[in-house]
Amino acid sequence: MKKFFYLCLIAVIALLPLVSCGNSSKPESGSAEARGPQTAEKLTIGIYNDAGNVSIWGGGAFSPWVLDSVCERLTGPSPYGKNPAMVLAEYVKPVNDDYTVWEIKLKPGIKWHDGTPLTSEDVKFTIDYNREGPSNNRYSHHTSAVPRLPGEGITIIDDLTLQVTGAFPMPYFDREPCAELPIIQKAQWENIEDPRQFSGRSIGTGPYKLVDYKVGEYYTLEANEDYHMGKPLVDNLSLVVIKDPSTMFTALKSGEIDGAARTLPVELLEEWKSDKNMGIVKTPYMWGATITLNNKKLPFGDLKSRRAFSLAINRDELLEVVALGQGISGTKGYPHPESFHASPTAAQPYNPEESAALFDELGYKDVDGDGFRETPEGEPLDWKIMVESSQPLYVRAGEIVAKQLEAVNIRAHVEPVEKAAFFEIVYRKGNYNMSIGEFVPHGLADDDMMIVLQYGEKKTDMMPYPERDKAIAAWKAANTPQSRLEASWALQEKINQYPKRVMLWYPYGFFAYNKNSYDNYSIVKGYNIFNKYSFIPNEAREGFVMDDYPQTGF
């Protein structure tokens, strides 16, 4: 009997590691070593772009997680991934069959950082202030355009409940805008005439209170001990702005900072993986490298020219050579292939033969026999590829693109310029053929933003594109989740047929941190590992984080 007991005991002990691995709730960095601290008194994290005044008018696409740590959304964690979970809301549900009217009920007992209660008045004010307020911001379109939330369509039922009526169907209202738009305190903002000039401290409901900041230099966050999802695991976050990537990663290596909230360059992966002090987590980065064609003038004001150009680009080569294979090829087209609304058939294919035939059809021919095409008017052709000189990855991509265009007898060259000049040429003067840069998650993985971008293209296109315009109208009319998804897929086909944005590759994110300081990070799609959920109790993260994201291939 004793022998049987000991055999059973040995079997149970042998199974323990397997049970532990199966229940692991944290991304691994490939190491079998014991995990580091699960709590911390203070962490210093490098951020590469400041968060402005930590309000919906500051920070833009580069630091939304900082804002989310202070001012929260109704649902979360973001509009990019799986179905949203409830954050400030107890529920968000449609109340009619065509999804034009939704009811929001707030969780009881949630308080602002100043101790006053969160109410439905704050939610109504947030919507109204974004739609009609004194200054637009990156979130405004979720109330003023897509979707359009007229003021007369918002009805307060009681302190915790309100109904919102849209100008057209909103099958994904619980995702967009509810998982995107931060709720702001009416008492703080209702008398502020110019929110962009606000220099105070934002009052939110989040796990952290903003206690000090200097725009462009640092942000000091202190744990909200009364946070409605549980006391944060890290007492203080010190966020320091470090714009130069080499400086940031040197600071992480030396121990000056505990984490770097920017993706590790892929060429450094092997070296950093061997450092036992570092944890590295692979994430679905949700950003993209793209060529933006100037659709306001020829040649790319012509739809077929855009098609011909797109077909000439070998995205697989760019992914392998420039991104060292760490990402998804741009052949998957727009939007980001891992976004919730991405069509399974979306594509921007590579076909140099079809590209050459299209350029022939458009009148781009080699008139003088030098091996390169001239314009339809017989003028020499040499397209400029504008790139910021501080972005060596994109400079290299531009050089490869120029070489690929040679295969269809198009001459092009890379023109690297410093950041201010790039902004002036591309965004103010529009004196360029194409530019290479990054495309942020808000533009790549947000279904509503896809429509806003198409509104913009419709205004600036030289040539009408009626098939796309019909697809936009069908999207707006779709009044169920499934019909909206199908309409989104149909529109994506039109966008990818004549793309203004030629997708090159979608990089994976690789985020490094000192695991001796804190080793309890979680992945959020679009926000990577530096997000508020990485600092709240583990049990509160369920439904928000992606701890099953594969940590392989690097």
Protein backbone atom coordinates (compact mmCIF):
# COMPACT_ATOMS: atom_id res chain seq x y z
CA MET A 1 0.00 0.00 0.00
CA LYS A 2 2.85 2.37 0.89
CA LYS A 3 4.50 1.62 -2.45
CA PHE A 4 1.27 2.53 -4.25
CA PHE A 5 1.01 5.77 -2.23
CA TYR A 6 4.55 6.85 -3.12
CA LEU A 7 4.01 6.03 -6.79
CA CYS A 8 0.89 8.22 -6.80
CA LEU A 9 2.75 11.02 -5.01
CA ILE A 10 5.58 10.91 -7.57
CA ALA A 11 3.05 11.03 -10.41
CA VAL A 12 1.32 14.09 -8.91
CA ILE A 13 4.63 15.90 -8.41
CA ALA A 14 5.62 15.14 -12.00
CA LEU A 15 2.38 16.67 -13.25
CA LEU A 16 2.70 19.91 -11.26
CA PRO A 17 4.92 21.76 -13.80
CA LEU A 18 2.46 20.86 -16.55
CA VAL A 19 -0.46 22.19 -14.53
CA SER A 20 1.48 25.35 -13.73
CA CYS A 21 2.30 25.98 -17.42
CA GLY A 22 -1.27 25.34 -18.43
CA ASN A 23 -2.55 27.99 -16.02
CA SER A 24 0.12 30.56 -16.75
CA SER A 25 -1.49 33.94 -17.32
CA LYS A 26 1.62 35.80 -18.45
CA PRO A 27 3.50 35.91 -21.75
CA GLU A 28 6.84 34.13 -21.59
CA SER A 29 10.01 35.47 -23.17
CA GLY A 30 11.30 32.01 -24.06
CA SER A 31 13.06 31.46 -20.72
CA ALA A 32 12.32 28.62 -18.32
CA GLU A 33 13.68 30.60 -15.37
CA ALA A 34 11.53 31.58 -12.39
CA ARG A 35 9.44 34.68 -12.85
CA GLY A 36 10.52 37.98 -11.34
CA PRO A 37 8.59 40.30 -8.99
CA GLN A 38 4.82 40.44 -9.47
CA THR A 39 4.49 43.79 -7.67
CA ALA A 40 6.66 46.90 -7.40
CA GLU A 41 6.85 50.13 -5.46
CA LYS A 42 8.02 52.12 -8.47
CA LEU A 43 8.77 51.54 -12.15
CA THR A 44 10.50 53.93 -14.52
CA ILE A 45 9.37 53.43 -18.11
CA GLY A 46 10.71 55.13 -21.19
CA ILE A 47 8.14 56.49 -23.65
CA TYR A 48 9.25 57.85 -27.01
CA ASN A 49 6.50 60.37 -27.63
CA ASP A 50 4.99 62.50 -24.92
CA ALA A 51 1.36 62.30 -23.82
CA GLY A 52 0.70 66.03 -24.02
CA ASN A 53 -1.47 67.19 -21.14
CA VAL A 54 -2.81 63.63 -20.65
CA SER A 55 -6.23 64.44 -22.00
CA ILE A 56 -8.12 63.60 -25.18
CA TRP A 57 -6.42 66.67 -26.69
CA GLY A 58 -2.87 65.47 -26.10
CA GLY A 59 -0.68 62.52 -27.04
CA GLY A 60 -2.44 61.28 -30.16
CA ALA A 61 -1.74 57.77 -31.40
CA PHE A 62 1.61 57.36 -29.71
CA SER A 63 0.64 57.15 -26.04
CA PRO A 64 -3.05 56.23 -25.66
CA TRP A 65 -2.22 53.76 -22.89
CA VAL A 66 -0.98 56.63 -20.71
CA LEU A 67 -4.31 58.41 -21.11
CA ASP A 68 -6.20 55.14 -20.51
CA SER A 69 -4.37 54.69 -17.21
CA VAL A 70 -5.91 57.98 -16.04
CA CYS A 71 -9.13 58.51 -18.06
CA GLU A 72 -10.98 55.31 -18.91
CA ARG A 73 -13.46 54.14 -21.52
CA LEU A 74 -16.88 52.56 -21.10
CA THR A 75 -15.60 49.25 -22.48
CA GLY A 76 -12.17 47.89 -23.30
CA PRO A 77 -9.44 47.20 -23.80
CA SER A 78 -9.42 48.67 -27.34
CA PRO A 79 -11.55 48.61 -30.50
CA TYR A 80 -9.04 46.44 -32.35
CA GLY A 81 -9.46 42.91 -31.03
CA LYS A 82 -12.02 40.54 -29.61
CA ASN A 83 -15.41 41.54 -28.26
CA PRO A 84 -15.11 44.37 -25.73
CA ALA A 85 -15.47 43.78 -22.00
CA MET A 86 -17.07 46.20 -19.56
CA VAL A 87 -14.85 48.82 -17.86
CA LEU A 88 -16.93 51.78 -16.63
CA ALA A 89 -20.17 50.36 -18.00
CA GLU A 90 -22.20 47.60 -16.38
CA TYR A 91 -23.71 46.99 -19.79
CA VAL A 92 -23.91 48.55 -23.26
CA LYS A 93 -26.76 47.05 -25.27
CA PRO A 94 -28.92 47.82 -28.33
CA VAL A 95 -32.57 48.55 -27.63
CA ASN A 96 -33.97 48.38 -31.17
CA ASP A 97 -33.60 46.06 -34.15
CA ASP A 98 -31.66 48.38 -36.45
CA TYR A 99 -28.95 49.19 -33.89
CA THR A 100 -29.56 52.94 -33.98
CA VAL A 101 -30.40 53.18 -30.26
CA TRP A 102 -28.18 51.85 -27.46
CA GLU A 103 -28.52 51.92 -23.70
CA ILE A 104 -25.54 52.43 -21.39
CA LYS A 105 -25.64 51.67 -17.69
CA LEU A 106 -22.64 52.60 -15.56
CA LYS A 107 -21.29 50.44 -12.78
CA PRO A 108 -22.42 51.84 -9.42
CA GLY A 109 -19.89 53.28 -7.00
CA ILE A 110 -17.17 54.37 -9.44
CA LYS A 111 -15.56 57.62 -8.35
CA TRP A 112 -13.42 60.22 -10.02
CA HIS A 113 -9.97 60.81 -8.58
CA ASP A 114 -11.36 63.79 -6.62
CA GLY A 115 -13.86 61.51 -4.85
CA THR A 116 -17.01 62.61 -6.71
CA PRO A 117 -19.19 59.97 -8.39
CA LEU A 118 -19.12 59.11 -12.09
CA THR A 119 -22.59 59.72 -13.55
CA SER A 120 -24.44 59.55 -16.85
CA GLU A 121 -24.08 63.35 -17.04
CA ASP A 122 -20.33 62.85 -17.51
CA VAL A 123 -20.91 60.42 -20.39
CA LYS A 124 -23.37 62.77 -22.10
CA PHE A 125 -21.00 65.70 -21.61
CA THR A 126 -18.10 63.69 -23.10
CA ILE A 127 -20.11 62.96 -26.25
CA ASP A 128 -21.40 66.52 -26.60
CA TYR A 129 -18.02 68.14 -25.89
CA ASN A 130 -16.28 65.98 -28.48
CA ARG A 131 -18.95 66.62 -31.08
CA GLU A 132 -19.57 70.35 -30.54
CA GLY A 133 -16.72 71.42 -28.29
CA PRO A 134 -14.12 74.13 -28.86
CA SER A 135 -11.42 71.89 -30.32
CA ASN A 136 -11.41 68.67 -32.34
CA ASN A 137 -9.15 65.76 -31.39
CA ARG A 138 -8.38 62.25 -32.61
CA TYR A 139 -11.51 60.94 -30.84
CA SER A 140 -13.98 63.56 -32.09
CA HIS A 141 -15.00 61.69 -35.23
CA HIS A 142 -16.55 58.97 -33.04
CA THR A 143 -19.25 61.47 -32.07
CA SER A 144 -19.36 63.98 -34.94
CA ALA A 145 -18.96 61.86 -38.07
CA VAL A 146 -18.67 58.07 -37.71
CA PRO A 147 -20.86 57.44 -35.88
CA ARG A 148 -22.80 60.69 -35.73
CA LEU A 149 -24.33 61.14 -32.27
CA PRO A 150 -26.70 64.14 -32.39
CA GLY A 151 -27.23 65.95 -29.09
CA GLU A 152 -31.00 65.51 -29.27
CA GLY A 153 -30.43 61.76 -29.50
CA ILE A 154 -28.92 61.47 -26.01
CA THR A 155 -31.41 60.88 -23.21
CA ILE A 156 -30.45 60.61 -19.54
CA ILE A 157 -32.67 58.10 -17.75
CA ASP A 158 -31.09 58.30 -14.29
CA ASP A 159 -27.72 58.94 -12.63
CA LEU A 160 -26.25 55.74 -14.07
CA THR A 161 -28.26 55.16 -17.25
CA LEU A 162 -28.63 56.89 -20.60
CA GLN A 163 -29.69 56.11 -24.14
CA VAL A 164 -27.78 57.18 -27.24
CA THR A 165 -29.34 57.43 -30.71
CA GLY A 166 -27.17 57.56 -33.81
CA ALA A 167 -27.83 59.28 -37.13
CA PHE A 168 -27.37 55.89 -38.84
CA PRO A 169 -27.06 52.26 -37.62
CA MET A 170 -24.26 51.49 -35.14
CA PRO A 171 -23.99 47.67 -34.96
CA TYR A 172 -20.62 47.91 -33.19
CA PHE A 173 -21.35 50.85 -30.88
CA ASP A 174 -20.14 48.86 -27.85
CA ARG A 175 -16.74 48.68 -29.57
CA GLU A 176 -16.59 51.99 -31.44
CA PRO A 177 -16.79 54.47 -29.78
CA CYS A 178 -17.27 52.82 -26.38
CA ALA A 179 -13.88 51.03 -26.32
CA GLU A 180 -12.10 54.04 -27.82
CA LEU A 181 -13.49 57.29 -26.39
CA PRO A 182 -12.15 58.25 -22.92
CA ILE A 183 -14.82 59.58 -20.56
CA ILE A 184 -13.97 62.98 -19.11
CA GLN A 185 -15.32 64.71 -16.02
CA LYS A 186 -17.96 67.33 -16.77
CA ALA A 187 -17.09 69.38 -13.67
CA GLN A 188 -13.46 69.71 -14.77
CA TRP A 189 -13.91 70.47 -18.46
CA GLU A 190 -17.24 72.27 -18.96
CA ASN A 191 -15.78 75.76 -18.42
CA ILE A 192 -12.45 75.25 -20.20
CA GLU A 193 -12.51 77.28 -23.41
CA ASP A 194 -9.32 75.96 -25.02
CA PRO A 195 -8.58 72.39 -23.87
CA ARG A 196 -5.35 72.22 -25.89
CA GLN A 197 -3.90 74.93 -23.65
CA PHE A 198 -4.96 73.15 -20.46
CA SER A 199 -1.98 72.85 -18.10
CA GLY A 200 -3.68 71.31 -15.08
CA ARG A 201 -3.92 67.65 -14.14
CA SER A 202 -6.63 65.51 -15.73
CA ILE A 203 -9.07 63.95 -13.30
CA GLY A 204 -10.05 60.43 -14.30
CA THR A 205 -11.37 57.16 -12.91
CA GLY A 206 -8.38 55.02 -13.86
CA PRO A 207 -5.89 52.98 -11.83
CA TYR A 208 -3.46 55.90 -11.74
CA LYS A 209 -3.70 59.55 -10.75
CA LEU A 210 -1.63 62.11 -12.60
CA VAL A 211 0.35 63.92 -9.89
CA ASP A 212 2.99 65.76 -11.91
CA TYR A 213 4.17 66.22 -15.49
CA LYS A 214 6.22 68.36 -17.81
CA VAL A 215 5.26 67.99 -21.46
CA GLY A 216 8.13 66.52 -23.44
CA GLU A 217 10.03 65.39 -20.34
CA TYR A 218 8.19 63.27 -17.76
CA TYR A 219 4.90 62.10 -16.22
CA THR A 220 4.46 60.94 -12.64
CA LEU A 221 1.54 58.61 -11.92
CA GLU A 222 0.44 57.46 -8.47
CA ALA A 223 -1.71 54.38 -7.79
CA ASN A 224 -5.41 54.98 -7.17
CA GLU A 225 -5.90 52.88 -4.05
CA ASP A 226 -9.68 53.02 -4.46
CA TYR A 227 -9.63 51.85 -8.08
CA HIS A 228 -12.84 50.04 -8.96
CA MET A 229 -11.02 47.01 -10.43
CA GLY A 230 -8.65 46.64 -7.48
CA LYS A 231 -5.59 48.39 -6.07
CA PRO A 232 -2.79 48.53 -8.69
CA LEU A 233 0.21 46.22 -8.25
CA VAL A 234 2.70 49.03 -8.90
CA ASP A 235 2.52 52.00 -6.54
CA ASN A 236 4.16 54.60 -8.76
CA LEU A 237 4.89 54.90 -12.48
CA SER A 238 7.54 57.36 -13.61
CA LEU A 239 7.31 57.87 -17.37
CA VAL A 240 10.29 59.58 -18.96
CA VAL A 241 10.28 60.85 -22.54
CA ILE A 242 13.26 59.46 -24.48
CA LYS A 243 12.85 60.17 -28.19
CA ASP A 244 16.07 58.61 -29.48
CA PRO A 245 15.73 54.80 -29.69
CA SER A 246 19.40 54.00 -29.04
CA THR A 247 19.35 56.21 -25.94
CA MET A 248 16.21 54.47 -24.67
CA PHE A 249 17.57 50.96 -25.08
CA THR A 250 20.93 51.93 -23.60
CA ALA A 251 19.05 53.27 -20.57
CA LEU A 252 17.19 49.97 -20.24
CA LYS A 253 20.39 47.93 -20.46
CA SER A 254 22.11 50.09 -17.85
CA GLY A 255 19.18 49.93 -15.42
CA GLU A 256 18.24 53.61 -15.65
CA ILE A 257 14.75 52.58 -16.74
CA ASP A 258 12.78 49.39 -16.09
CA GLY A 259 10.97 49.13 -19.41
CA ALA A 260 11.02 50.59 -22.93
CA ALA A 261 7.61 51.38 -24.40
CA ARG A 262 8.82 51.16 -27.97
CA THR A 263 9.44 48.07 -30.04
CA LEU A 264 12.93 46.61 -29.97
CA PRO A 265 14.63 46.74 -33.41
CA VAL A 266 14.52 43.23 -34.87
CA GLU A 267 18.26 43.25 -35.56
CA LEU A 268 18.85 43.41 -31.78
CA LEU A 269 16.65 40.44 -30.88
CA GLU A 270 19.37 37.78 -30.76
CA GLU A 271 21.67 39.91 -28.62
CA TRP A 272 18.93 40.88 -26.16
CA LYS A 273 17.53 37.36 -25.82
CA SER A 274 20.84 36.27 -24.30
CA ASP A 275 20.61 38.86 -21.51
CA LYS A 276 19.23 37.05 -18.45
CA ASN A 277 18.03 40.32 -16.91
CA MET A 278 15.73 41.11 -19.81
CA GLY A 279 12.29 39.85 -20.64
CA ILE A 280 11.14 40.16 -24.25
CA VAL A 281 7.50 39.76 -25.29
CA LYS A 282 6.26 39.40 -28.85
CA THR A 283 3.00 41.26 -29.52
CA PRO A 284 0.55 41.92 -32.38
CA TYR A 285 1.91 45.42 -32.88
CA MET A 286 -1.04 46.62 -35.04
CA TRP A 287 1.12 49.21 -36.81
CA GLY A 288 2.10 49.06 -40.47
CA ALA A 289 4.79 50.24 -42.86
CA THR A 290 3.20 51.89 -45.87
CA ILE A 291 3.79 53.89 -49.01
CA THR A 292 1.30 56.75 -49.24
CA LEU A 293 0.64 57.86 -52.80
CA ASN A 294 -0.28 61.48 -53.50
CA ASN A 295 -3.82 61.17 -54.86
CA LYS A 296 -4.23 64.93 -55.26
CA LYS A 297 -2.24 65.12 -58.49
CA LEU A 298 -0.95 62.97 -61.33
CA PRO A 299 0.24 60.31 -61.68
CA PHE A 300 -1.51 58.85 -58.63
CA GLY A 301 -4.64 60.94 -58.93
CA ASP A 302 -5.37 58.36 -61.63
CA LEU A 303 -6.81 55.15 -60.17
CA LYS A 304 -5.10 52.84 -62.68
CA SER A 305 -1.71 54.40 -61.90
CA ARG A 306 -2.21 53.46 -58.26
CA ARG A 307 -3.10 49.92 -59.29
CA ALA A 308 -0.06 49.64 -61.58
CA PHE A 309 2.26 50.90 -58.85
CA SER A 310 0.82 48.56 -56.21
CA LEU A 311 1.23 45.52 -58.46
CA ALA A 312 4.93 46.31 -58.94
CA ILE A 313 5.79 46.07 -55.22
CA ASN A 314 7.10 42.78 -53.84
CA ARG A 315 5.98 42.97 -50.21
CA ASP A 316 7.38 39.55 -49.33
CA GLU A 317 10.88 40.71 -50.23
CA LEU A 318 10.50 43.83 -48.11
CA LEU A 319 9.31 41.78 -45.13
CA GLU A 320 12.25 39.39 -45.36
CA VAL A 321 15.00 41.91 -46.13
CA VAL A 322 13.97 44.95 -44.10
CA ALA A 323 11.91 43.43 -41.26
CA LEU A 324 13.94 40.18 -41.17
CA GLY A 325 10.74 38.19 -41.56
CA GLN A 326 9.30 39.42 -38.25
CA GLY A 327 5.83 40.43 -39.31
CA ILE A 328 3.04 39.90 -41.82
CA SER A 329 3.45 40.67 -45.52
CA GLY A 330 1.63 43.67 -46.95
CA THR A 331 0.17 41.34 -49.58
CA LYS A 332 -2.63 40.90 -47.02
CA GLY A 333 -3.69 44.43 -47.92
CA TYR A 334 -5.66 46.90 -45.83
CA PRO A 335 -6.72 46.84 -42.96
CA HIS A 336 -4.36 45.17 -40.51
CA PRO A 337 -4.89 41.40 -40.95
CA GLU A 338 -5.30 40.93 -37.18
CA SER A 339 -7.99 43.59 -36.77
CA PHE A 340 -11.51 42.40 -35.95
CA HIS A 341 -13.04 43.59 -39.24
CA ALA A 342 -10.32 42.44 -41.66
CA SER A 343 -11.65 40.59 -44.70
CA PRO A 344 -10.21 37.07 -45.06
CA THR A 345 -9.74 37.79 -48.77
CA ALA A 346 -8.21 41.28 -48.49
CA ALA A 347 -5.10 41.53 -50.68
CA GLN A 348 -2.68 43.84 -52.41
CA PRO A 349 -1.00 41.31 -54.74
CA TYR A 350 2.39 41.36 -56.46
CA ASN A 351 2.17 40.95 -60.25
CA PRO A 352 4.90 42.81 -62.18
CA GLU A 353 3.64 41.55 -65.54
CA GLU A 354 0.18 43.02 -64.97
CA SER A 355 1.82 46.18 -63.62
CA ALA A 356 3.90 46.61 -66.78
CA ALA A 357 0.85 46.06 -68.98
CA LEU A 358 -1.10 48.70 -67.06
CA PHE A 359 1.72 51.24 -67.36
CA ASP A 360 1.75 50.53 -71.12
CA GLU A 361 -1.99 51.09 -71.27
CA LEU A 362 -1.61 54.39 -69.42
CA GLY A 363 0.94 55.63 -71.96
CA TYR A 364 4.11 55.26 -69.86
CA LYS A 365 6.54 53.95 -72.48
CA ASP A 366 10.29 53.91 -73.08
CA VAL A 367 10.47 56.41 -75.92
CA ASP A 368 14.23 57.06 -76.01
CA GLY A 369 15.38 53.46 -75.49
CA ASP A 370 17.27 54.05 -72.23
CA GLY A 371 15.41 51.27 -70.42
CA PHE A 372 13.11 53.58 -68.48
CA ARG A 373 9.61 54.79 -69.27
CA GLU A 374 8.76 58.39 -70.01
CA THR A 375 5.49 60.11 -69.10
CA PRO A 376 2.56 59.90 -71.53
CA GLU A 377 3.68 63.35 -72.74
CA GLY A 378 7.18 62.01 -73.48
CA GLU A 379 8.87 63.77 -70.54
CA PRO A 380 11.58 62.09 -68.41
CA LEU A 381 10.20 60.27 -65.39
CA ASP A 382 11.89 60.00 -61.98
CA TRP A 383 9.55 59.57 -59.04
CA LYS A 384 10.61 60.88 -55.63
CA ILE A 385 10.15 58.58 -52.64
CA MET A 386 10.08 60.88 -49.62
CA VAL A 387 11.40 59.42 -46.35
CA GLU A 388 12.41 60.88 -43.00
CA SER A 389 16.20 60.63 -42.78
CA SER A 390 15.90 59.59 -39.11
CA GLN A 391 14.10 56.39 -40.19
CA PRO A 392 16.84 54.12 -41.63
CA LEU A 393 14.42 51.18 -41.92
CA TYR A 394 12.19 53.16 -44.25
CA VAL A 395 15.14 54.58 -46.18
CA ARG A 396 16.22 50.98 -46.85
CA ALA A 397 12.66 50.05 -47.82
CA GLY A 398 12.58 52.98 -50.25
CA GLU A 399 15.79 51.80 -51.90
CA ILE A 400 14.31 48.33 -52.42
CA VAL A 401 11.06 49.80 -53.78
CA ALA A 402 13.06 51.89 -56.28
CA LYS A 403 14.85 48.73 -57.40
CA GLN A 404 11.55 46.85 -57.74
CA LEU A 405 10.16 49.65 -59.91
CA GLU A 406 13.14 49.23 -62.24
CA ALA A 407 11.77 45.77 -63.06
CA VAL A 408 8.78 47.47 -64.72
CA ASN A 409 11.03 50.15 -66.27
CA ILE A 410 10.07 52.95 -63.88
CA ARG A 411 12.82 55.23 -62.57
CA ALA A 412 12.48 56.35 -58.93
CA HIS A 413 14.82 57.49 -56.18
CA VAL A 414 14.75 57.88 -52.41
CA GLU A 415 14.89 61.41 -51.05
CA PRO A 416 15.63 61.36 -47.30
CA VAL A 417 14.91 64.65 -45.51
CA GLU A 418 14.84 65.69 -41.87
CA LYS A 419 11.52 65.53 -40.01
CA ALA A 420 10.47 69.19 -40.30
CA ALA A 421 11.16 69.24 -44.04
CA PHE A 422 9.27 65.96 -44.49
CA PHE A 423 6.23 67.44 -42.76
CA GLU A 424 6.41 70.61 -44.86
CA ILE A 425 6.75 68.77 -48.18
CA VAL A 426 4.26 65.97 -47.58
CA TYR A 427 1.57 67.49 -45.36
CA ARG A 428 1.64 71.21 -46.10
CA LYS A 429 2.77 71.65 -49.69
CA GLY A 430 1.89 68.22 -51.08
CA ASN A 431 4.87 68.47 -53.42
CA TYR A 432 5.70 64.77 -53.67
CA ASN A 433 4.81 61.58 -55.52
CA MET A 434 4.91 59.18 -52.59
CA SER A 435 6.19 58.86 -49.04
CA ILE A 436 7.13 55.96 -46.79
CA GLY A 437 6.22 55.91 -43.12
CA GLU A 438 4.23 54.20 -40.43
CA PHE A 439 0.48 53.76 -40.22
CA VAL A 440 -0.93 53.75 -36.69
CA PRO A 441 -3.47 51.27 -35.22
CA HIS A 442 -6.22 53.91 -35.17
CA GLY A 443 -6.01 54.08 -38.97
CA LEU A 444 -5.23 50.41 -39.59
CA ALA A 445 -7.56 48.54 -37.26
CA ASP A 446 -10.55 50.77 -36.50
CA ASP A 447 -13.61 50.15 -38.69
CA ASP A 448 -15.07 53.62 -38.09
CA MET A 449 -11.75 55.29 -38.88
CA MET A 450 -11.65 53.39 -42.18
CA ILE A 451 -14.76 55.31 -43.20
CA VAL A 452 -13.35 58.64 -42.00
CA LEU A 453 -10.22 58.04 -44.09
CA GLN A 454 -12.37 57.25 -47.12
CA TYR A 455 -14.33 60.47 -46.59
CA GLY A 456 -10.98 62.27 -46.76
CA GLU A 457 -9.88 60.48 -49.93
CA LYS A 458 -13.24 61.19 -51.55
CA LYS A 459 -12.67 64.91 -50.98
CA THR A 460 -9.10 64.93 -52.33
CA ASP A 461 -9.24 62.38 -55.18
CA MET A 462 -8.60 63.87 -58.62
CA MET A 463 -10.69 61.14 -60.20
CA PRO A 464 -14.12 59.96 -58.99
CA TYR A 465 -14.39 56.41 -57.70
CA PRO A 466 -18.14 55.63 -57.72
CA GLU A 467 -17.76 51.94 -56.83
CA ARG A 468 -16.01 52.88 -53.59
CA ASP A 469 -18.61 55.55 -52.84
CA LYS A 470 -21.42 52.98 -53.23
CA ALA A 471 -19.57 50.66 -50.85
CA ILE A 472 -19.32 53.47 -48.26
CA ALA A 473 -23.08 54.08 -48.54
CA ALA A 474 -23.76 50.35 -48.11
CA TRP A 475 -21.55 50.32 -45.02
CA LYS A 476 -23.52 53.18 -43.45
CA ALA A 477 -26.85 51.49 -44.22
CA ALA A 478 -25.86 48.08 -42.80
CA ASN A 479 -27.96 47.60 -39.66
CA THR A 480 -26.78 44.31 -38.13
CA PRO A 481 -23.32 43.22 -36.97
CA GLN A 482 -23.04 40.64 -39.75
CA SER A 483 -24.24 42.93 -42.55
CA ARG A 484 -21.89 45.69 -41.32
CA LEU A 485 -18.97 43.23 -41.33
CA GLU A 486 -19.82 42.08 -44.87
CA ALA A 487 -20.15 45.70 -46.01
CA SER A 488 -16.76 46.44 -44.47
CA TRP A 489 -15.22 43.55 -46.41
CA ALA A 490 -16.79 44.80 -49.65
CA LEU A 491 -15.36 48.28 -49.07
CA GLN A 492 -11.92 46.86 -48.30
CA GLU A 493 -11.93 45.18 -51.72
CA LYS A 494 -12.45 48.58 -53.37
CA ILE A 495 -9.77 50.23 -51.23
CA ASN A 496 -7.22 47.54 -52.08
CA GLN A 497 -8.02 47.58 -55.78
CA TYR A 498 -6.73 51.15 -56.21
CA PRO A 499 -4.85 51.79 -52.97
CA LYS A 500 -3.72 55.21 -51.88
CA ARG A 501 -1.82 53.45 -49.10
CA VAL A 502 0.28 50.59 -50.42
CA MET A 503 0.91 48.33 -47.44
CA LEU A 504 4.49 47.02 -47.23
CA TRP A 505 4.54 44.93 -44.05
CA TYR A 506 2.94 44.70 -40.63
CA PRO A 507 5.71 44.29 -38.04
CA TYR A 508 5.42 42.23 -34.89
CA GLY A 509 6.19 44.16 -31.74
CA PHE A 510 9.01 43.08 -29.44
CA PHE A 511 8.95 44.81 -26.07
CA ALA A 512 11.76 44.58 -23.54
CA TYR A 513 11.77 45.12 -19.81
CA ASN A 514 13.96 44.39 -16.78
CA LYS A 515 12.38 41.30 -15.27
CA ASN A 516 14.24 41.84 -12.00
CA SER A 517 12.18 45.00 -11.47
CA TYR A 518 8.75 43.70 -12.48
CA ASP A 519 7.70 40.60 -14.38
CA ASN A 520 3.92 40.71 -14.53
CA TYR A 521 3.07 42.25 -17.90
CA SER A 522 0.10 41.33 -20.10
CA ILE A 523 -0.54 41.92 -23.80
CA VAL A 524 -3.35 44.15 -25.05
CA LYS A 525 -3.90 44.28 -28.81
CA GLY A 526 -2.76 47.66 -30.07
CA TYR A 527 -1.21 48.66 -26.71
CA ASN A 528 1.33 45.81 -26.41
CA ILE A 529 2.61 45.15 -22.84
CA PHE A 530 2.73 48.72 -21.59
CA ASN A 531 -0.90 49.26 -20.72
CA LYS A 532 -2.94 49.78 -17.56
CA TYR A 533 -3.95 46.11 -17.45
CA SER A 534 -0.32 45.13 -16.84
CA PHE A 535 -0.48 46.95 -13.52
CA ILE A 536 -3.87 45.96 -12.09
CA PRO A 537 -4.61 42.73 -10.17
CA ASN A 538 -4.26 39.61 -12.30
CA GLU A 539 -7.81 38.45 -11.66
CA ALA A 540 -9.16 41.79 -12.97
CA ARG A 541 -7.41 41.35 -16.32
CA GLU A 542 -9.60 38.48 -17.52
CA GLY A 543 -11.45 39.33 -20.72
CA PHE A 544 -9.09 42.19 -21.56
CA VAL A 545 -5.64 40.70 -22.18
CA MET A 546 -4.08 38.31 -24.75
CA ASP A 547 -1.92 36.03 -22.66
CA ASP A 548 -2.21 33.26 -25.25
CA TYR A 549 -0.39 35.19 -27.98
CA PRO A 550 2.31 32.83 -29.39
CA GLN A 551 5.81 33.56 -28.09
CA THR A 552 7.58 31.69 -30.89
CA GLY A 553 9.58 32.49 -34.01
CA PHE A 554 12.16 34.79 -32.47
